[in-house]
ModelCIF file with pLDDT and N, C-alpha, C, O atoms, coordinates in Angstrom:
data_MODEL
#
_entry.id   MODEL 
#
_entity.id                         1 
_entity.type                       polymer 
_entity.pdbx_number_of_molecules   1 
#
_entity_poly.entity_id                      1 
_entity_poly.type                           'polypeptide(L)' 
_entity_poly.nstd_linkage                   no 
_entity_poly.nstd_monomer                   no 
_entity_poly.pdbx_seq_one_letter_code       IETTPIELMGRVVAFRGSLVFGAMTLAMAI 
_entity_poly.pdbx_seq_one_letter_code_can   IETTPIELMGRVVAFRGSLVFGAMTLAMAI 
_entity_poly.pdbx_strand_id                 A 
#
loop_
_entity_poly_seq.entity_id 
_entity_poly_seq.num 
_entity_poly_seq.mon_id 
_entity_poly_seq.hetero 
1 1  ILE n 
1 2  GLU n 
1 3  THR n 
1 4  THR n 
1 5  PRO n 
1 6  ILE n 
1 7  GLU n 
1 8  LEU n 
1 9  MET n 
1 10 GLY n 
1 11 ARG n 
1 12 VAL n 
1 13 VAL n 
1 14 ALA n 
1 15 PHE n 
1 16 ARG n 
1 17 GLY n 
1 18 SER n 
1 19 LEU n 
1 20 VAL n 
1 21 PHE n 
1 22 GLY n 
1 23 ALA n 
1 24 MET n 
1 25 THR n 
1 26 LEU n 
1 27 ALA n 
1 28 MET n 
1 29 ALA n 
1 30 ILE n 
#
_struct_asym.id          A 
_struct_asym.entity_id   1 
#
loop_
_ma_qa_metric.id 
_ma_qa_metric.mode 
_ma_qa_metric.name 
_ma_qa_metric.software_group_id 
_ma_qa_metric.type 
1 global pLDDT . pLDDT 
2 local  pLDDT . pLDDT 
#
_ma_qa_metric_global.metric_id      1 
_ma_qa_metric_global.metric_value   81.60 
_ma_qa_metric_global.model_id       1 
_ma_qa_metric_global.ordinal_id     1 
#
loop_
_ma_qa_metric_local.label_asym_id 
_ma_qa_metric_local.label_comp_id 
_ma_qa_metric_local.label_seq_id 
_ma_qa_metric_local.metric_id 
_ma_qa_metric_local.metric_value 
_ma_qa_metric_local.model_id 
_ma_qa_metric_local.ordinal_id 
A ILE 1  2 83.00 1 1  
A GLU 2  2 84.00 1 2  
A THR 3  2 86.00 1 3  
A THR 4  2 86.00 1 4  
A PRO 5  2 85.00 1 5  
A ILE 6  2 76.00 1 6  
A GLU 7  2 76.00 1 7  
A LEU 8  2 81.00 1 8  
A MET 9  2 77.00 1 9  
A GLY 10 2 72.00 1 10 
A ARG 11 2 77.00 1 11 
A VAL 12 2 84.00 1 12 
A VAL 13 2 79.00 1 13 
A ALA 14 2 75.00 1 14 
A PHE 15 2 82.00 1 15 
A ARG 16 2 86.00 1 16 
A GLY 17 2 79.00 1 17 
A SER 18 2 79.00 1 18 
A LEU 19 2 85.00 1 19 
A VAL 20 2 87.00 1 20 
A PHE 21 2 79.00 1 21 
A GLY 22 2 81.00 1 22 
A ALA 23 2 87.00 1 23 
A MET 24 2 84.00 1 24 
A THR 25 2 80.00 1 25 
A LEU 26 2 83.00 1 26 
A ALA 27 2 88.00 1 27 
A MET 28 2 81.00 1 28 
A ALA 29 2 79.00 1 29 
A ILE 30 2 87.00 1 30 
#
loop_
_atom_site.group_PDB 
_atom_site.id 
_atom_site.type_symbol 
_atom_site.label_atom_id 
_atom_site.label_alt_id 
_atom_site.label_comp_id 
_atom_site.label_asym_id 
_atom_site.label_entity_id 
_atom_site.label_seq_id 
_atom_site.pdbx_PDB_ins_code 
_atom_site.Cartn_x 
_atom_site.Cartn_y 
_atom_site.Cartn_z 
_atom_site.occupancy 
_atom_site.B_iso_or_equiv 
_atom_site.pdbx_formal_charge 
_atom_site.auth_seq_id 
_atom_site.auth_comp_id 
_atom_site.auth_asym_id 
_atom_site.auth_atom_id 
_atom_site.pdbx_PDB_model_num 
ATOM 1   N N  . ILE A 1 1  ? 169.743 85.370  152.850 1.00 83.00 ? 1  ILE A N  1 
ATOM 2   C CA . ILE A 1 1  ? 169.328 83.904  152.437 1.00 83.00 ? 1  ILE A CA 1 
ATOM 3   C C  . ILE A 1 1  ? 168.029 84.447  151.281 1.00 83.00 ? 1  ILE A C  1 
ATOM 4   O O  . ILE A 1 1  ? 168.157 84.076  150.114 1.00 83.00 ? 1  ILE A O  1 
ATOM 5   N N  . GLU A 1 2  ? 167.261 84.997  151.517 1.00 84.00 ? 2  GLU A N  1 
ATOM 6   C CA . GLU A 1 2  ? 165.925 85.219  150.996 1.00 84.00 ? 2  GLU A CA 1 
ATOM 7   C C  . GLU A 1 2  ? 166.159 85.722  149.369 1.00 84.00 ? 2  GLU A C  1 
ATOM 8   O O  . GLU A 1 2  ? 165.413 85.466  148.424 1.00 84.00 ? 2  GLU A O  1 
ATOM 9   N N  . THR A 1 3  ? 167.410 86.506  149.341 1.00 86.00 ? 3  THR A N  1 
ATOM 10  C CA . THR A 1 3  ? 167.641 87.664  148.213 1.00 86.00 ? 3  THR A CA 1 
ATOM 11  C C  . THR A 1 3  ? 168.590 87.272  147.253 1.00 86.00 ? 3  THR A C  1 
ATOM 12  O O  . THR A 1 3  ? 168.721 87.730  146.118 1.00 86.00 ? 3  THR A O  1 
ATOM 13  N N  . THR A 1 4  ? 169.419 86.143  147.951 1.00 86.00 ? 4  THR A N  1 
ATOM 14  C CA . THR A 1 4  ? 170.592 85.808  147.193 1.00 86.00 ? 4  THR A CA 1 
ATOM 15  C C  . THR A 1 4  ? 170.238 84.221  146.331 1.00 86.00 ? 4  THR A C  1 
ATOM 16  O O  . THR A 1 4  ? 169.818 83.233  146.934 1.00 86.00 ? 4  THR A O  1 
ATOM 17  N N  . PRO A 1 5  ? 170.448 84.247  145.177 1.00 85.00 ? 5  PRO A N  1 
ATOM 18  C CA . PRO A 1 5  ? 170.352 82.812  144.609 1.00 85.00 ? 5  PRO A CA 1 
ATOM 19  C C  . PRO A 1 5  ? 171.472 81.852  145.276 1.00 85.00 ? 5  PRO A C  1 
ATOM 20  O O  . PRO A 1 5  ? 172.566 82.299  145.620 1.00 85.00 ? 5  PRO A O  1 
ATOM 21  N N  . ILE A 1 6  ? 171.131 80.598  145.415 1.00 76.00 ? 6  ILE A N  1 
ATOM 22  C CA . ILE A 1 6  ? 172.216 79.843  145.860 1.00 76.00 ? 6  ILE A CA 1 
ATOM 23  C C  . ILE A 1 6  ? 173.145 79.739  145.290 1.00 76.00 ? 6  ILE A C  1 
ATOM 24  O O  . ILE A 1 6  ? 174.128 79.427  145.962 1.00 76.00 ? 6  ILE A O  1 
ATOM 25  N N  . GLU A 1 7  ? 173.305 79.894  144.102 1.00 76.00 ? 7  GLU A N  1 
ATOM 26  C CA . GLU A 1 7  ? 174.570 79.584  143.285 1.00 76.00 ? 7  GLU A CA 1 
ATOM 27  C C  . GLU A 1 7  ? 175.316 80.804  143.503 1.00 76.00 ? 7  GLU A C  1 
ATOM 28  O O  . GLU A 1 7  ? 176.480 80.634  143.139 1.00 76.00 ? 7  GLU A O  1 
ATOM 29  N N  . LEU A 1 8  ? 175.073 82.155  144.026 1.00 81.00 ? 8  LEU A N  1 
ATOM 30  C CA . LEU A 1 8  ? 175.897 83.292  144.178 1.00 81.00 ? 8  LEU A CA 1 
ATOM 31  C C  . LEU A 1 8  ? 175.896 83.441  145.752 1.00 81.00 ? 8  LEU A C  1 
ATOM 32  O O  . LEU A 1 8  ? 176.374 84.497  146.165 1.00 81.00 ? 8  LEU A O  1 
ATOM 33  N N  . MET A 1 9  ? 175.493 82.665  146.562 1.00 77.00 ? 9  MET A N  1 
ATOM 34  C CA . MET A 1 9  ? 175.611 82.915  147.995 1.00 77.00 ? 9  MET A CA 1 
ATOM 35  C C  . MET A 1 9  ? 176.985 82.821  148.722 1.00 77.00 ? 9  MET A C  1 
ATOM 36  O O  . MET A 1 9  ? 177.084 83.411  149.798 1.00 77.00 ? 9  MET A O  1 
ATOM 37  N N  . GLY A 1 10 ? 177.932 82.212  148.290 1.00 72.00 ? 10 GLY A N  1 
ATOM 38  C CA . GLY A 1 10 ? 179.438 82.266  148.619 1.00 72.00 ? 10 GLY A CA 1 
ATOM 39  C C  . GLY A 1 10 ? 179.824 83.650  148.433 1.00 72.00 ? 10 GLY A C  1 
ATOM 40  O O  . GLY A 1 10 ? 180.252 84.291  149.392 1.00 72.00 ? 10 GLY A O  1 
ATOM 41  N N  . ARG A 1 11 ? 179.710 84.168  147.277 1.00 77.00 ? 11 ARG A N  1 
ATOM 42  C CA . ARG A 1 11 ? 180.371 85.477  146.895 1.00 77.00 ? 11 ARG A CA 1 
ATOM 43  C C  . ARG A 1 11 ? 179.766 86.482  147.378 1.00 77.00 ? 11 ARG A C  1 
ATOM 44  O O  . ARG A 1 11 ? 180.422 87.463  147.731 1.00 77.00 ? 11 ARG A O  1 
ATOM 45  N N  . VAL A 1 12 ? 178.390 86.452  147.496 1.00 84.00 ? 12 VAL A N  1 
ATOM 46  C CA . VAL A 1 12 ? 177.868 87.767  148.204 1.00 84.00 ? 12 VAL A CA 1 
ATOM 47  C C  . VAL A 1 12 ? 178.111 87.572  149.630 1.00 84.00 ? 12 VAL A C  1 
ATOM 48  O O  . VAL A 1 12 ? 178.550 88.536  150.256 1.00 84.00 ? 12 VAL A O  1 
ATOM 49  N N  . VAL A 1 13 ? 177.909 86.548  150.197 1.00 79.00 ? 13 VAL A N  1 
ATOM 50  C CA . VAL A 1 13 ? 178.419 86.711  151.800 1.00 79.00 ? 13 VAL A CA 1 
ATOM 51  C C  . VAL A 1 13 ? 179.728 87.064  151.791 1.00 79.00 ? 13 VAL A C  1 
ATOM 52  O O  . VAL A 1 13 ? 180.070 87.975  152.545 1.00 79.00 ? 13 VAL A O  1 
ATOM 53  N N  . ALA A 1 14 ? 180.565 86.518  151.071 1.00 75.00 ? 14 ALA A N  1 
ATOM 54  C CA . ALA A 1 14 ? 182.252 86.636  151.370 1.00 75.00 ? 14 ALA A CA 1 
ATOM 55  C C  . ALA A 1 14 ? 182.381 88.421  151.040 1.00 75.00 ? 14 ALA A C  1 
ATOM 56  O O  . ALA A 1 14 ? 182.974 89.191  151.794 1.00 75.00 ? 14 ALA A O  1 
ATOM 57  N N  . PHE A 1 15 ? 181.786 88.776  149.938 1.00 82.00 ? 15 PHE A N  1 
ATOM 58  C CA . PHE A 1 15 ? 181.732 90.362  150.021 1.00 82.00 ? 15 PHE A CA 1 
ATOM 59  C C  . PHE A 1 15 ? 181.394 90.965  150.907 1.00 82.00 ? 15 PHE A C  1 
ATOM 60  O O  . PHE A 1 15 ? 182.101 91.895  151.292 1.00 82.00 ? 15 PHE A O  1 
ATOM 61  N N  . ARG A 1 16 ? 180.198 90.656  151.547 1.00 86.00 ? 16 ARG A N  1 
ATOM 62  C CA . ARG A 1 16 ? 179.860 91.572  152.809 1.00 86.00 ? 16 ARG A CA 1 
ATOM 63  C C  . ARG A 1 16 ? 180.834 91.322  153.483 1.00 86.00 ? 16 ARG A C  1 
ATOM 64  O O  . ARG A 1 16 ? 181.683 92.204  153.614 1.00 86.00 ? 16 ARG A O  1 
ATOM 65  N N  . GLY A 1 17 ? 180.996 90.141  154.070 1.00 79.00 ? 17 GLY A N  1 
ATOM 66  C CA . GLY A 1 17 ? 182.004 90.015  155.373 1.00 79.00 ? 17 GLY A CA 1 
ATOM 67  C C  . GLY A 1 17 ? 183.455 90.764  155.135 1.00 79.00 ? 17 GLY A C  1 
ATOM 68  O O  . GLY A 1 17 ? 184.153 91.184  156.058 1.00 79.00 ? 17 GLY A O  1 
ATOM 69  N N  . SER A 1 18 ? 183.761 90.849  153.842 1.00 79.00 ? 18 SER A N  1 
ATOM 70  C CA . SER A 1 18 ? 184.973 91.619  153.687 1.00 79.00 ? 18 SER A CA 1 
ATOM 71  C C  . SER A 1 18 ? 184.858 93.189  154.133 1.00 79.00 ? 18 SER A C  1 
ATOM 72  O O  . SER A 1 18 ? 185.825 93.756  154.643 1.00 79.00 ? 18 SER A O  1 
ATOM 73  N N  . LEU A 1 19 ? 183.755 93.778  153.935 1.00 85.00 ? 19 LEU A N  1 
ATOM 74  C CA . LEU A 1 19 ? 183.323 94.991  153.932 1.00 85.00 ? 19 LEU A CA 1 
ATOM 75  C C  . LEU A 1 19 ? 183.338 95.247  155.460 1.00 85.00 ? 19 LEU A C  1 
ATOM 76  O O  . LEU A 1 19 ? 183.924 96.141  156.070 1.00 85.00 ? 19 LEU A O  1 
ATOM 77  N N  . VAL A 1 20 ? 182.490 94.166  155.972 1.00 87.00 ? 20 VAL A N  1 
ATOM 78  C CA . VAL A 1 20 ? 182.088 94.532  157.419 1.00 87.00 ? 20 VAL A CA 1 
ATOM 79  C C  . VAL A 1 20 ? 183.476 94.220  158.301 1.00 87.00 ? 20 VAL A C  1 
ATOM 80  O O  . VAL A 1 20 ? 183.983 95.051  159.055 1.00 87.00 ? 20 VAL A O  1 
ATOM 81  N N  . PHE A 1 21 ? 184.006 92.862  158.070 1.00 79.00 ? 21 PHE A N  1 
ATOM 82  C CA . PHE A 1 21 ? 185.610 92.713  158.941 1.00 79.00 ? 21 PHE A CA 1 
ATOM 83  C C  . PHE A 1 21 ? 186.674 93.465  158.706 1.00 79.00 ? 21 PHE A C  1 
ATOM 84  O O  . PHE A 1 21 ? 187.661 93.575  159.434 1.00 79.00 ? 21 PHE A O  1 
ATOM 85  N N  . GLY A 1 22 ? 186.404 94.166  157.332 1.00 81.00 ? 22 GLY A N  1 
ATOM 86  C CA . GLY A 1 22 ? 187.511 95.145  157.169 1.00 81.00 ? 22 GLY A CA 1 
ATOM 87  C C  . GLY A 1 22 ? 187.197 96.575  158.290 1.00 81.00 ? 22 GLY A C  1 
ATOM 88  O O  . GLY A 1 22 ? 188.067 97.024  159.036 1.00 81.00 ? 22 GLY A O  1 
ATOM 89  N N  . ALA A 1 23 ? 185.903 97.077  158.201 1.00 87.00 ? 23 ALA A N  1 
ATOM 90  C CA . ALA A 1 23 ? 185.896 98.042  159.418 1.00 87.00 ? 23 ALA A CA 1 
ATOM 91  C C  . ALA A 1 23 ? 186.114 97.492  160.525 1.00 87.00 ? 23 ALA A C  1 
ATOM 92  O O  . ALA A 1 23 ? 186.851 98.158  161.251 1.00 87.00 ? 23 ALA A O  1 
ATOM 93  N N  . MET A 1 24 ? 185.712 96.399  161.001 1.00 84.00 ? 24 MET A N  1 
ATOM 94  C CA . MET A 1 24 ? 185.939 95.796  162.668 1.00 84.00 ? 24 MET A CA 1 
ATOM 95  C C  . MET A 1 24 ? 187.518 95.605  162.508 1.00 84.00 ? 24 MET A C  1 
ATOM 96  O O  . MET A 1 24 ? 188.193 95.750  163.527 1.00 84.00 ? 24 MET A O  1 
ATOM 97  N N  . THR A 1 25 ? 188.002 95.369  161.602 1.00 80.00 ? 25 THR A N  1 
ATOM 98  C CA . THR A 1 25 ? 189.704 95.341  161.717 1.00 80.00 ? 25 THR A CA 1 
ATOM 99  C C  . THR A 1 25 ? 190.292 96.691  161.743 1.00 80.00 ? 25 THR A C  1 
ATOM 100 O O  . THR A 1 25 ? 191.299 96.771  162.447 1.00 80.00 ? 25 THR A O  1 
ATOM 101 N N  . LEU A 1 26 ? 189.961 97.645  161.221 1.00 83.00 ? 26 LEU A N  1 
ATOM 102 C CA . LEU A 1 26 ? 190.199 99.149  161.344 1.00 83.00 ? 26 LEU A CA 1 
ATOM 103 C C  . LEU A 1 26 ? 189.988 99.736  162.730 1.00 83.00 ? 26 LEU A C  1 
ATOM 104 O O  . LEU A 1 26 ? 190.732 100.538 163.294 1.00 83.00 ? 26 LEU A O  1 
ATOM 105 N N  . ALA A 1 27 ? 188.827 99.197  163.203 1.00 88.00 ? 27 ALA A N  1 
ATOM 106 C CA . ALA A 1 27 ? 188.467 99.622  164.409 1.00 88.00 ? 27 ALA A CA 1 
ATOM 107 C C  . ALA A 1 27 ? 189.081 98.821  165.719 1.00 88.00 ? 27 ALA A C  1 
ATOM 108 O O  . ALA A 1 27 ? 188.901 99.389  166.796 1.00 88.00 ? 27 ALA A O  1 
ATOM 109 N N  . MET A 1 28 ? 189.722 97.677  165.738 1.00 81.00 ? 28 MET A N  1 
ATOM 110 C CA . MET A 1 28 ? 190.717 96.701  166.328 1.00 81.00 ? 28 MET A CA 1 
ATOM 111 C C  . MET A 1 28 ? 192.044 97.638  166.292 1.00 81.00 ? 28 MET A C  1 
ATOM 112 O O  . MET A 1 28 ? 192.573 97.912  167.370 1.00 81.00 ? 28 MET A O  1 
ATOM 113 N N  . ALA A 1 29 ? 192.551 98.094  165.181 1.00 79.00 ? 29 ALA A N  1 
ATOM 114 C CA . ALA A 1 29 ? 193.748 98.750  165.410 1.00 79.00 ? 29 ALA A CA 1 
ATOM 115 C C  . ALA A 1 29 ? 194.020 99.939  165.941 1.00 79.00 ? 29 ALA A C  1 
ATOM 116 O O  . ALA A 1 29 ? 195.061 100.263 166.511 1.00 79.00 ? 29 ALA A O  1 
ATOM 117 N N  . ILE A 1 30 ? 192.688 100.847 165.668 1.00 87.00 ? 30 ILE A N  1 
ATOM 118 C CA . ILE A 1 30 ? 192.488 101.722 166.360 1.00 87.00 ? 30 ILE A CA 1 
ATOM 119 C C  . ILE A 1 30 ? 192.489 101.706 167.804 1.00 87.00 ? 30 ILE A C  1 
ATOM 120 O O  . ILE A 1 30 ? 192.254 102.738 168.433 1.00 87.00 ? 30 ILE A O  1 
#
């Protein structure tokens, strides 16, 4: 929140979520 401009917040948080949840998804499958 402190680093990201408000107009980019949705995209930046979503890209982070994709990477983190991608790893979690792989862990679930394994």
